[in-house]
Amino acid sequence: MCAGCRLGFDTAPDAGTTGAFTWHVEQAPTTARFYDLWGSGPNDIYAVGTSPFIFHSAGDGTWTEDASVTDQSLLGVRGSGPDDVWVVGNFDATGGNTIVHKQAGTWSAQINTLPRTLNAVWPFAPNNVYIVGYGATIAHSTGTGTWTPEDAGTTENLLDVWASAPDDLYAVGWNGTIVHSTGDGTWTPQNSGSTAQLVGIFGTSATDIYVLGHNGTILHSTGDGTWQAQSSGVTFHLYGGVVLGGGELLLGGASNVLLRSSGNGAWEPEDTGQSITSVDILWAASPDRVYGPASDGLILVGNR
């Protein structure tokens, strides 16, 4: 899976229209806070959060309850295609943690013995899937329903996972933690130069990677194992970013203000003008249409 595929594009995105977005919100039939959003394309989008329901939209502005196969909060959603979608979430002491998979049009929960809450999932294909979570949890599945724990190279909680290719994977988490793997089952810590809680990671390629975190933290790497801080100009927590194409980047966090960059290391604020308190991730249906999950069952949508 390429970097663009994570964000909604089948190939690396072309540049869209330049300039600011026009923002509005869509209301799902819930008051839950949404934590993550992903789609296989502009007409097939999923959102998850503090409700046990998985919400779906066909891109027409309406959201419906698509499935509920757990009673736990759902924290991460991502797929490799329309018929391979994964959702992970809170730990259930009576039955392991939440892993839900959609295949052949049907959602099913996977029984597992992983001991901690799962925060993010990264599927390259139905037979090559990674999950990360609290307690330095990293596990891999070949699609059999069995999850094999891997040595994370850290004891810190892990919050997000991203990869440019099956042999180039990253996970980030508490206290400035960044670990890297070549897909061989081992993970090596990298020196982030930060002690912030690192919440999100994304990139345009193996040589252009961004990590986001608390108190406006932005770190950048060219894939050489070193990280440089960039000035965000804000103090609110940053959670997730999106590649819009043509080198344009957009970040969201604990504010209704987003940050935009042309990839030159400088970031400018973009006020959505909407009554939301946070945007936990951003996902692009195209370079000119962006979605962001928010609180109170709202989905932030930008068009230009």
C-alpha atoms as a PDB file:
ATOM      1  CA  MET A   1       0.000   0.000   0.000  1.00  0.00           C
ATOM      2  CA  CYS A   2       1.398   3.395  -1.005  1.00  0.00           C
ATOM      3  CA  ALA A   3       1.174   6.506   1.156  1.00  0.00           C
ATOM      4  CA  GLY A   4      -1.619   7.858  -1.033  1.00  0.00           C
ATOM      5  CA  CYS A   5      -3.674   4.684  -0.638  1.00  0.00           C
ATOM      6  CA  ARG A   6      -3.921   5.291   3.102  1.00  0.00           C
ATOM      7  CA  LEU A   7      -5.468   8.662   2.408  1.00  0.00           C
ATOM      8  CA  GLY A   8      -8.049   7.495  -0.085  1.00  0.00           C
ATOM      9  CA  PHE A   9      -6.229   7.583  -3.406  1.00  0.00           C
ATOM     10  CA  ASP A  10      -5.486   4.499  -5.494  1.00  0.00           C
ATOM     11  CA  THR A  11      -2.307   6.141  -6.755  1.00  0.00           C
ATOM     12  CA  ALA A  12      -0.228   9.090  -5.609  1.00  0.00           C
ATOM     13  CA  PRO A  13      -2.567  12.110  -5.844  1.00  0.00           C
ATOM     14  CA  ASP A  14      -2.215  14.831  -8.438  1.00  0.00           C
ATOM     15  CA  ALA A  15      -2.338  18.439  -7.307  1.00  0.00           C
ATOM     16  CA  GLY A  16      -5.834  19.775  -6.799  1.00  0.00           C
ATOM     17  CA  THR A  17      -7.132  23.293  -6.852  1.00  0.00           C
ATOM     18  CA  THR A  18      -4.918  25.563  -4.782  1.00  0.00           C
ATOM     19  CA  GLY A  19      -6.272  27.705  -1.961  1.00  0.00           C
ATOM     20  CA  ALA A  20      -8.441  27.336   1.100  1.00  0.00           C
ATOM     21  CA  PHE A  21     -11.355  24.953   1.518  1.00  0.00           C
ATOM     22  CA  THR A  22     -14.983  25.789   2.212  1.00  0.00           C
ATOM     23  CA  TRP A  23     -15.917  23.859   5.353  1.00  0.00           C
ATOM     24  CA  HIS A  24     -19.170  22.428   6.678  1.00  0.00           C
ATOM     25  CA  VAL A  25     -20.190  19.589   9.006  1.00  0.00           C
ATOM     26  CA  GLU A  26     -22.261  16.458   8.448  1.00  0.00           C
ATOM     27  CA  GLN A  27     -24.212  14.932  11.350  1.00  0.00           C
ATOM     28  CA  ALA A  28     -24.153  11.192  11.950  1.00  0.00           C
ATOM     29  CA  PRO A  29     -26.988   9.574  13.978  1.00  0.00           C
ATOM     30  CA  THR A  30     -24.940   9.648  17.189  1.00  0.00           C
ATOM     31  CA  THR A  31     -23.505  12.025  19.752  1.00  0.00           C
ATOM     32  CA  ALA A  32     -20.274  10.036  19.949  1.00  0.00           C
ATOM     33  CA  ARG A  33     -16.869  11.543  19.438  1.00  0.00           C
ATOM     34  CA  PHE A  34     -15.315  10.198  16.266  1.00  0.00           C
ATOM     35  CA  TYR A  35     -11.640   9.182  16.447  1.00  0.00           C
ATOM     36  CA  ASP A  36     -10.855   7.867  12.973  1.00  0.00           C
ATOM     37  CA  LEU A  37     -12.150   7.896   9.414  1.00  0.00           C
ATOM     38  CA  TRP A  38     -11.099   6.047   6.271  1.00  0.00           C
ATOM     39  CA  GLY A  39     -12.567   5.250   2.889  1.00  0.00           C
ATOM     40  CA  SER A  40     -11.790   2.991  -0.043  1.00  0.00           C
ATOM     41  CA  GLY A  41     -12.969   5.850  -2.255  1.00  0.00           C
ATOM     42  CA  PRO A  42     -15.236   8.920  -2.320  1.00  0.00           C
ATOM     43  CA  ASN A  43     -18.400   6.762  -2.193  1.00  0.00           C
ATOM     44  CA  ASP A  44     -17.338   4.305   0.519  1.00  0.00           C
ATOM     45  CA  ILE A  45     -16.328   5.964   3.816  1.00  0.00           C
ATOM     46  CA  TYR A  46     -16.243   4.678   7.403  1.00  0.00           C
ATOM     47  CA  ALA A  47     -16.045   6.552  10.728  1.00  0.00           C
ATOM     48  CA  VAL A  48     -15.554   5.133  14.240  1.00  0.00           C
ATOM     49  CA  GLY A  49     -15.398   6.505  17.766  1.00  0.00           C
ATOM     50  CA  THR A  50     -16.814   6.230  21.267  1.00  0.00           C
ATOM     51  CA  SER A  51     -19.933   4.490  19.965  1.00  0.00           C
ATOM     52  CA  PRO A  52     -19.654   0.727  19.321  1.00  0.00           C
ATOM     53  CA  PHE A  53     -21.263   1.324  15.912  1.00  0.00           C
ATOM     54  CA  ILE A  54     -19.299   1.546  12.676  1.00  0.00           C
ATOM     55  CA  PHE A  55     -20.772   4.402  10.630  1.00  0.00           C
ATOM     56  CA  HIS A  56     -20.782   4.514   6.840  1.00  0.00           C
ATOM     57  CA  SER A  57     -21.390   7.117   4.141  1.00  0.00           C
ATOM     58  CA  ALA A  58     -21.700   6.815   0.382  1.00  0.00           C
ATOM     59  CA  GLY A  59     -20.326  10.341   0.090  1.00  0.00           C
ATOM     60  CA  ASP A  60     -23.801  11.857  -0.218  1.00  0.00           C
ATOM     61  CA  GLY A  61     -23.711  13.740   3.081  1.00  0.00           C
ATOM     62  CA  THR A  62     -25.606  11.111   5.089  1.00  0.00           C
ATOM     63  CA  TRP A  63     -24.220   8.615   7.604  1.00  0.00           C
ATOM     64  CA  THR A  64     -25.798   5.352   8.751  1.00  0.00           C
ATOM     65  CA  GLU A  65     -24.984   2.648  11.304  1.00  0.00           C
ATOM     66  CA  ASP A  66     -23.270  -0.041   9.256  1.00  0.00           C
ATOM     67  CA  ALA A  67     -22.494  -2.588  11.965  1.00  0.00           C
ATOM     68  CA  SER A  68     -22.081  -3.180  15.684  1.00  0.00           C
ATOM     69  CA  VAL A  69     -20.265  -6.378  16.603  1.00  0.00           C
ATOM     70  CA  THR A  70     -18.765  -5.179  19.888  1.00  0.00           C
ATOM     71  CA  ASP A  71     -19.807  -3.105  22.907  1.00  0.00           C
ATOM     72  CA  GLN A  72     -16.480  -1.252  23.037  1.00  0.00           C
ATOM     73  CA  SER A  73     -15.327   2.154  21.789  1.00  0.00           C
ATOM     74  CA  LEU A  74     -13.659   1.967  18.371  1.00  0.00           C
ATOM     75  CA  LEU A  75     -10.377   3.835  17.879  1.00  0.00           C
ATOM     76  CA  GLY A  76      -8.996   3.009  14.441  1.00  0.00           C
ATOM     77  CA  VAL A  77     -10.276   2.091  10.983  1.00  0.00           C
ATOM     78  CA  ARG A  78      -8.374   1.363   7.791  1.00  0.00           C
ATOM     79  CA  GLY A  79      -8.519  -1.031   4.878  1.00  0.00           C
ATOM     80  CA  SER A  80      -6.672  -2.167   1.794  1.00  0.00           C
ATOM     81  CA  GLY A  81      -9.831  -1.987  -0.318  1.00  0.00           C
ATOM     82  CA  PRO A  82     -13.649  -1.968  -0.175  1.00  0.00           C
ATOM     83  CA  ASP A  83     -13.828  -5.624   0.868  1.00  0.00           C
ATOM     84  CA  ASP A  84     -10.931  -5.600   3.338  1.00  0.00           C
ATOM     85  CA  VAL A  85     -11.686  -3.132   6.142  1.00  0.00           C
ATOM     86  CA  TRP A  86     -10.360  -3.390   9.695  1.00  0.00           C
ATOM     87  CA  VAL A  87     -11.539  -1.699  12.916  1.00  0.00           C
ATOM     88  CA  VAL A  88      -9.740  -1.836  16.279  1.00  0.00           C
ATOM     89  CA  GLY A  89     -10.634  -0.528  19.698  1.00  0.00           C
ATOM     90  CA  ASN A  90     -10.826  -0.764  23.450  1.00  0.00           C
ATOM     91  CA  PHE A  91      -9.792  -3.708  25.558  1.00  0.00           C
ATOM     92  CA  ASP A  92     -12.551  -5.950  26.846  1.00  0.00           C
ATOM     93  CA  ALA A  93     -11.363  -7.845  29.904  1.00  0.00           C
ATOM     94  CA  THR A  94     -13.824 -10.662  29.204  1.00  0.00           C
ATOM     95  CA  GLY A  95     -12.792 -11.398  25.633  1.00  0.00           C
ATOM     96  CA  GLY A  96      -9.557  -9.742  24.589  1.00  0.00           C
ATOM     97  CA  ASN A  97      -9.437  -6.506  22.672  1.00  0.00           C
ATOM     98  CA  THR A  98     -11.549  -5.350  19.778  1.00  0.00           C
ATOM     99  CA  ILE A  99     -10.585  -6.421  16.260  1.00  0.00           C
ATOM    100  CA  VAL A 100     -13.349  -6.303  13.653  1.00  0.00           C
ATOM    101  CA  HIS A 101     -12.905  -7.264   9.992  1.00  0.00           C
ATOM    102  CA  LYS A 102     -15.129  -6.722   6.961  1.00  0.00           C
ATOM    103  CA  GLN A 103     -14.747  -9.287   4.191  1.00  0.00           C
ATOM    104  CA  ALA A 104     -17.242 -10.592   1.624  1.00  0.00           C
ATOM    105  CA  GLY A 105     -19.571  -7.802   2.744  1.00  0.00           C
ATOM    106  CA  THR A 106     -19.802  -9.083   6.323  1.00  0.00           C
ATOM    107  CA  TRP A 107     -18.342  -7.724   9.565  1.00  0.00           C
ATOM    108  CA  SER A 108     -17.014 -10.209  12.107  1.00  0.00           C
ATOM    109  CA  ALA A 109     -15.114  -9.931  15.380  1.00  0.00           C
ATOM    110  CA  GLN A 110     -11.844 -11.809  15.783  1.00  0.00           C
ATOM    111  CA  ILE A 111     -11.157 -13.499  19.096  1.00  0.00           C
ATOM    112  CA  ASN A 112      -7.650 -12.716  20.329  1.00  0.00           C
ATOM    113  CA  THR A 113      -5.556 -12.753  23.470  1.00  0.00           C
ATOM    114  CA  LEU A 114      -3.702  -9.479  22.999  1.00  0.00           C
ATOM    115  CA  PRO A 115      -3.803  -7.848  26.434  1.00  0.00           C
ATOM    116  CA  ARG A 116      -4.231  -4.132  25.725  1.00  0.00           C
ATOM    117  CA  THR A 117      -6.395  -1.576  23.895  1.00  0.00           C
ATOM    118  CA  LEU A 118      -5.581  -1.241  20.197  1.00  0.00           C
ATOM    119  CA  ASN A 119      -5.290   2.234  18.697  1.00  0.00           C
ATOM    120  CA  ALA A 120      -4.479   1.826  14.991  1.00  0.00           C
ATOM    121  CA  VAL A 121      -4.378  -0.714  12.184  1.00  0.00           C
ATOM    122  CA  TRP A 122      -2.420  -0.863   8.914  1.00  0.00           C
ATOM    123  CA  PRO A 123      -3.483  -3.466   6.315  1.00  0.00           C
ATOM    124  CA  PHE A 124      -1.349  -3.869   3.207  1.00  0.00           C
ATOM    125  CA  ALA A 125      -3.658  -6.676   2.057  1.00  0.00           C
ATOM    126  CA  PRO A 126      -6.031  -9.188   3.709  1.00  0.00           C
ATOM    127  CA  ASN A 127      -3.013 -11.425   4.431  1.00  0.00           C
ATOM    128  CA  ASN A 128      -0.646  -8.732   5.728  1.00  0.00           C
ATOM    129  CA  VAL A 129      -2.007  -6.595   8.578  1.00  0.00           C
ATOM    130  CA  TYR A 130      -0.384  -4.757  11.508  1.00  0.00           C
ATOM    131  CA  ILE A 131      -1.988  -3.374  14.659  1.00  0.00           C
ATOM    132  CA  VAL A 132      -0.532  -1.230  17.459  1.00  0.00           C
ATOM    133  CA  GLY A 133      -1.752  -0.286  20.916  1.00  0.00           C
ATOM    134  CA  TYR A 134      -1.104   0.317  24.579  1.00  0.00           C
ATOM    135  CA  GLY A 135       1.542  -1.629  26.461  1.00  0.00           C
ATOM    136  CA  ALA A 136       3.932  -1.469  23.481  1.00  0.00           C
ATOM    137  CA  THR A 137       1.596  -3.774  21.578  1.00  0.00           C
ATOM    138  CA  ILE A 138       2.501  -4.556  17.972  1.00  0.00           C
ATOM    139  CA  ALA A 139       1.000  -7.619  16.318  1.00  0.00           C
ATOM    140  CA  HIS A 140       0.876  -9.017  12.787  1.00  0.00           C
ATOM    141  CA  SER A 141      -1.631 -11.259  11.014  1.00  0.00           C
ATOM    142  CA  THR A 142      -1.480 -13.178   7.751  1.00  0.00           C
ATOM    143  CA  GLY A 143      -5.262 -13.155   7.595  1.00  0.00           C
ATOM    144  CA  THR A 144      -5.873 -16.424   9.391  1.00  0.00           C
ATOM    145  CA  GLY A 145      -7.425 -14.720  12.420  1.00  0.00           C
ATOM    146  CA  THR A 146      -4.299 -15.367  14.460  1.00  0.00           C
ATOM    147  CA  TRP A 147      -2.253 -12.387  15.675  1.00  0.00           C
ATOM    148  CA  THR A 148       1.452 -12.769  16.364  1.00  0.00           C
ATOM    149  CA  PRO A 149       2.961 -10.258  18.822  1.00  0.00           C
ATOM    150  CA  GLU A 150       6.210  -8.579  17.765  1.00  0.00           C
ATOM    151  CA  ASP A 151       8.917  -7.017  19.925  1.00  0.00           C
ATOM    152  CA  ALA A 152       8.236  -3.290  19.692  1.00  0.00           C
ATOM    153  CA  GLY A 153      11.689  -2.265  20.887  1.00  0.00           C
ATOM    154  CA  THR A 154      10.023  -0.062  23.529  1.00  0.00           C
ATOM    155  CA  THR A 155       7.806  -0.314  26.594  1.00  0.00           C
ATOM    156  CA  GLU A 156       5.785   2.807  25.727  1.00  0.00           C
ATOM    157  CA  ASN A 157       2.169   2.930  24.605  1.00  0.00           C
ATOM    158  CA  LEU A 158       1.842   3.113  20.813  1.00  0.00           C
ATOM    159  CA  LEU A 159      -0.819   5.297  19.187  1.00  0.00           C
ATOM    160  CA  ASP A 160      -0.389   5.113  15.407  1.00  0.00           C
ATOM    161  CA  VAL A 161       1.225   3.089  12.622  1.00  0.00           C
ATOM    162  CA  TRP A 162       2.160   4.042   9.055  1.00  0.00           C
ATOM    163  CA  ALA A 163       4.168   2.472   6.254  1.00  0.00           C
ATOM    164  CA  SER A 164       5.434   3.450   2.828  1.00  0.00           C
ATOM    165  CA  ALA A 165       5.868  -0.232   1.890  1.00  0.00           C
ATOM    166  CA  PRO A 166       5.832  -3.682   3.562  1.00  0.00           C
ATOM    167  CA  ASP A 167       9.545  -3.305   4.324  1.00  0.00           C
ATOM    168  CA  ASP A 168       9.301   0.249   5.729  1.00  0.00           C
ATOM    169  CA  LEU A 169       6.991   0.536   8.764  1.00  0.00           C
ATOM    170  CA  TYR A 170       6.799   3.044  11.619  1.00  0.00           C
ATOM    171  CA  ALA A 171       4.893   3.231  14.907  1.00  0.00           C
ATOM    172  CA  VAL A 172       4.722   6.219  17.266  1.00  0.00           C
ATOM    173  CA  GLY A 173       3.591   6.769  20.845  1.00  0.00           C
ATOM    174  CA  TRP A 174       4.186   8.182  24.280  1.00  0.00           C
ATOM    175  CA  ASN A 175       7.237  10.118  25.415  1.00  0.00           C
ATOM    176  CA  GLY A 176       8.624  10.799  21.956  1.00  0.00           C
ATOM    177  CA  THR A 177       8.609   7.147  20.886  1.00  0.00           C
ATOM    178  CA  ILE A 178       9.263   6.271  17.238  1.00  0.00           C
ATOM    179  CA  VAL A 179      10.083   2.688  16.218  1.00  0.00           C
ATOM    180  CA  HIS A 180      10.840   1.333  12.739  1.00  0.00           C
ATOM    181  CA  SER A 181      10.675  -2.108  11.122  1.00  0.00           C
ATOM    182  CA  THR A 182      11.682  -3.584   7.783  1.00  0.00           C
ATOM    183  CA  GLY A 183       8.852  -6.089   8.104  1.00  0.00           C
ATOM    184  CA  ASP A 184      11.053  -8.815   9.566  1.00  0.00           C
ATOM    185  CA  GLY A 185       9.220  -8.936  12.900  1.00  0.00           C
ATOM    186  CA  THR A 186      11.647  -6.689  14.779  1.00  0.00           C
ATOM    187  CA  TRP A 187      11.304  -2.984  15.572  1.00  0.00           C
ATOM    188  CA  THR A 188      14.137  -0.546  16.252  1.00  0.00           C
ATOM    189  CA  PRO A 189      13.787   2.706  18.239  1.00  0.00           C
ATOM    190  CA  GLN A 190      14.721   5.977  16.555  1.00  0.00           C
ATOM    191  CA  ASN A 191      15.736   9.153  18.384  1.00  0.00           C
ATOM    192  CA  SER A 192      12.886  11.608  17.878  1.00  0.00           C
ATOM    193  CA  GLY A 193      14.546  14.378  19.887  1.00  0.00           C
ATOM    194  CA  SER A 194      11.186  14.930  21.586  1.00  0.00           C
ATOM    195  CA  THR A 195       9.492  13.873  24.815  1.00  0.00           C
ATOM    196  CA  ALA A 196       6.002  14.781  23.595  1.00  0.00           C
ATOM    197  CA  GLN A 197       3.189  12.279  23.207  1.00  0.00           C
ATOM    198  CA  LEU A 198       3.387  11.413  19.512  1.00  0.00           C
ATOM    199  CA  VAL A 199      -0.114  10.728  18.243  1.00  0.00           C
ATOM    200  CA  GLY A 200      -0.017  10.507  14.448  1.00  0.00           C
ATOM    201  CA  ILE A 201       2.291   9.649  11.567  1.00  0.00           C
ATOM    202  CA  PHE A 202       1.856  10.007   7.804  1.00  0.00           C
ATOM    203  CA  GLY A 203       3.970  10.711   4.761  1.00  0.00           C
ATOM    204  CA  THR A 204       4.133  11.291   1.035  1.00  0.00           C
ATOM    205  CA  SER A 205       6.852   8.664   0.518  1.00  0.00           C
ATOM    206  CA  ALA A 206       9.632   6.718   2.252  1.00  0.00           C
ATOM    207  CA  THR A 207      11.757   9.880   2.179  1.00  0.00           C
ATOM    208  CA  ASP A 208       9.158  12.413   3.355  1.00  0.00           C
ATOM    209  CA  ILE A 209       7.570  11.458   6.698  1.00  0.00           C
ATOM    210  CA  TYR A 210       5.765  13.541   9.340  1.00  0.00           C
ATOM    211  CA  VAL A 211       5.017  12.782  12.987  1.00  0.00           C
ATOM    212  CA  LEU A 212       2.515  14.861  14.993  1.00  0.00           C
ATOM    213  CA  GLY A 213       1.953  15.204  18.716  1.00  0.00           C
ATOM    214  CA  HIS A 214       1.012  17.173  21.764  1.00  0.00           C
ATOM    215  CA  ASN A 215       1.619  20.901  22.166  1.00  0.00           C
ATOM    216  CA  GLY A 216       1.937  21.568  18.446  1.00  0.00           C
ATOM    217  CA  THR A 217       4.727  19.040  17.859  1.00  0.00           C
ATOM    218  CA  ILE A 218       5.690  18.378  14.233  1.00  0.00           C
ATOM    219  CA  LEU A 219       8.688  16.180  13.376  1.00  0.00           C
ATOM    220  CA  HIS A 220      10.002  15.439   9.891  1.00  0.00           C
ATOM    221  CA  SER A 221      12.318  12.769   8.513  1.00  0.00           C
ATOM    222  CA  THR A 222      13.751  11.920   5.118  1.00  0.00           C
ATOM    223  CA  GLY A 223      13.721   8.257   6.102  1.00  0.00           C
ATOM    224  CA  ASP A 224      17.315   8.181   7.294  1.00  0.00           C
ATOM    225  CA  GLY A 225      16.392   7.504  10.926  1.00  0.00           C
ATOM    226  CA  THR A 226      16.814  11.099  12.096  1.00  0.00           C
ATOM    227  CA  TRP A 227      14.056  13.576  12.911  1.00  0.00           C
ATOM    228  CA  GLN A 228      13.946  17.366  12.802  1.00  0.00           C
ATOM    229  CA  ALA A 229      11.393  19.534  14.573  1.00  0.00           C
ATOM    230  CA  GLN A 230       9.329  22.000  12.543  1.00  0.00           C
ATOM    231  CA  SER A 231       7.610  25.032  14.034  1.00  0.00           C
ATOM    232  CA  SER A 232       3.830  24.645  13.921  1.00  0.00           C
ATOM    233  CA  GLY A 233       3.136  28.081  15.412  1.00  0.00           C
ATOM    234  CA  VAL A 234       0.438  26.551  17.656  1.00  0.00           C
ATOM    235  CA  THR A 235       0.310  25.011  21.125  1.00  0.00           C
ATOM    236  CA  PHE A 236      -2.738  22.755  20.724  1.00  0.00           C
ATOM    237  CA  HIS A 237      -2.262  19.019  20.239  1.00  0.00           C
ATOM    238  CA  LEU A 238      -1.874  17.772  16.668  1.00  0.00           C
ATOM    239  CA  TYR A 239      -3.390  14.395  15.816  1.00  0.00           C
ATOM    240  CA  GLY A 240      -3.422  13.576  12.102  1.00  0.00           C
ATOM    241  CA  GLY A 241      -2.443  14.761   8.656  1.00  0.00           C
ATOM    242  CA  VAL A 242      -3.310  14.253   5.016  1.00  0.00           C
ATOM    243  CA  VAL A 243      -1.456  14.535   1.698  1.00  0.00           C
ATOM    244  CA  LEU A 244      -3.512  16.502  -0.796  1.00  0.00           C
ATOM    245  CA  GLY A 245      -1.190  16.188  -3.778  1.00  0.00           C
ATOM    246  CA  GLY A 246       1.352  18.468  -5.369  1.00  0.00           C
ATOM    247  CA  GLY A 247       3.287  18.524  -2.089  1.00  0.00           C
ATOM    248  CA  GLU A 248       0.376  20.118  -0.187  1.00  0.00           C
ATOM    249  CA  LEU A 249      -0.240  18.925   3.392  1.00  0.00           C
ATOM    250  CA  LEU A 250      -3.047  19.542   5.895  1.00  0.00           C
ATOM    251  CA  LEU A 251      -3.002  18.808   9.647  1.00  0.00           C
ATOM    252  CA  GLY A 252      -5.745  18.527  12.262  1.00  0.00           C
ATOM    253  CA  GLY A 253      -5.796  18.514  16.046  1.00  0.00           C
ATOM    254  CA  ALA A 254      -7.470  19.805  19.199  1.00  0.00           C
ATOM    255  CA  SER A 255      -8.910  22.916  17.540  1.00  0.00           C
ATOM    256  CA  ASN A 256     -11.214  24.011  14.731  1.00  0.00           C
ATOM    257  CA  VAL A 257      -8.102  25.496  13.117  1.00  0.00           C
ATOM    258  CA  LEU A 258      -6.116  23.313  10.711  1.00  0.00           C
ATOM    259  CA  LEU A 259      -2.526  23.764   9.526  1.00  0.00           C
ATOM    260  CA  ARG A 260      -1.475  23.832   5.883  1.00  0.00           C
ATOM    261  CA  SER A 261       1.950  23.505   4.257  1.00  0.00           C
ATOM    262  CA  SER A 262       3.373  23.242   0.762  1.00  0.00           C
ATOM    263  CA  GLY A 263       5.954  20.813   2.131  1.00  0.00           C
ATOM    264  CA  ASN A 264       8.594  23.495   2.668  1.00  0.00           C
ATOM    265  CA  GLY A 265       8.579  23.207   6.478  1.00  0.00           C
ATOM    266  CA  ALA A 266       6.396  26.292   7.014  1.00  0.00           C
ATOM    267  CA  TRP A 267       2.844  25.930   8.357  1.00  0.00           C
ATOM    268  CA  GLU A 268      -0.060  28.358   8.066  1.00  0.00           C
ATOM    269  CA  PRO A 269      -3.381  28.208   9.963  1.00  0.00           C
ATOM    270  CA  GLU A 270      -6.698  27.611   8.206  1.00  0.00           C
ATOM    271  CA  ASP A 271      -9.783  28.343  10.299  1.00  0.00           C
ATOM    272  CA  THR A 272     -12.663  26.016   9.441  1.00  0.00           C
ATOM    273  CA  GLY A 273     -15.179  28.408  10.995  1.00  0.00           C
ATOM    274  CA  GLN A 274     -17.066  25.409  12.435  1.00  0.00           C
ATOM    275  CA  SER A 275     -18.117  24.792  16.046  1.00  0.00           C
ATOM    276  CA  ILE A 276     -15.941  21.752  16.635  1.00  0.00           C
ATOM    277  CA  THR A 277     -13.352  21.165  19.333  1.00  0.00           C
ATOM    278  CA  SER A 278     -11.026  18.745  17.540  1.00  0.00           C
ATOM    279  CA  VAL A 279     -10.237  16.892  14.326  1.00  0.00           C
ATOM    280  CA  ASP A 280      -8.554  13.615  15.193  1.00  0.00           C
ATOM    281  CA  ILE A 281      -7.505  12.601  11.687  1.00  0.00           C
ATOM    282  CA  LEU A 282      -7.917  13.830   8.123  1.00  0.00           C
ATOM    283  CA  TRP A 283      -8.761  11.741   5.071  1.00  0.00           C
ATOM    284  CA  ALA A 284      -8.958  12.935   1.470  1.00  0.00           C
ATOM    285  CA  ALA A 285     -11.484  11.583  -1.013  1.00  0.00           C
ATOM    286  CA  SER A 286      -9.661  13.713  -3.586  1.00  0.00           C
ATOM    287  CA  PRO A 287      -7.166  16.584  -3.442  1.00  0.00           C
ATOM    288  CA  ASP A 288     -10.181  18.912  -3.269  1.00  0.00           C
ATOM    289  CA  ARG A 289     -12.424  17.042  -0.806  1.00  0.00           C
ATOM    290  CA  VAL A 290     -11.320  16.355   2.783  1.00  0.00           C
ATOM    291  CA  TYR A 291     -13.052  14.645   5.723  1.00  0.00           C
ATOM    292  CA  GLY A 292     -12.233  14.921   9.428  1.00  0.00           C
ATOM    293  CA  PRO A 293     -13.945  13.106  12.325  1.00  0.00           C
ATOM    294  CA  ALA A 294     -14.947  15.380  15.201  1.00  0.00           C
ATOM    295  CA  SER A 295     -16.979  15.369  18.429  1.00  0.00           C
ATOM    296  CA  ASP A 296     -20.754  15.108  18.956  1.00  0.00           C
ATOM    297  CA  GLY A 297     -21.248  12.840  15.947  1.00  0.00           C
ATOM    298  CA  LEU A 298     -19.990  15.452  13.514  1.00  0.00           C
ATOM    299  CA  ILE A 299     -17.871  14.928  10.398  1.00  0.00           C
ATOM    300  CA  LEU A 300     -15.954  17.964   9.149  1.00  0.00           C
ATOM    301  CA  VAL A 301     -15.979  18.209   5.337  1.00  0.00           C
ATOM    302  CA  GLY A 302     -13.960  20.566   3.171  1.00  0.00           C
ATOM    303  CA  ASN A 303     -14.466  21.276  -0.516  1.00  0.00           C
ATOM    304  CA  ARG A 304     -12.764  23.571  -3.002  1.00  0.00           C
END
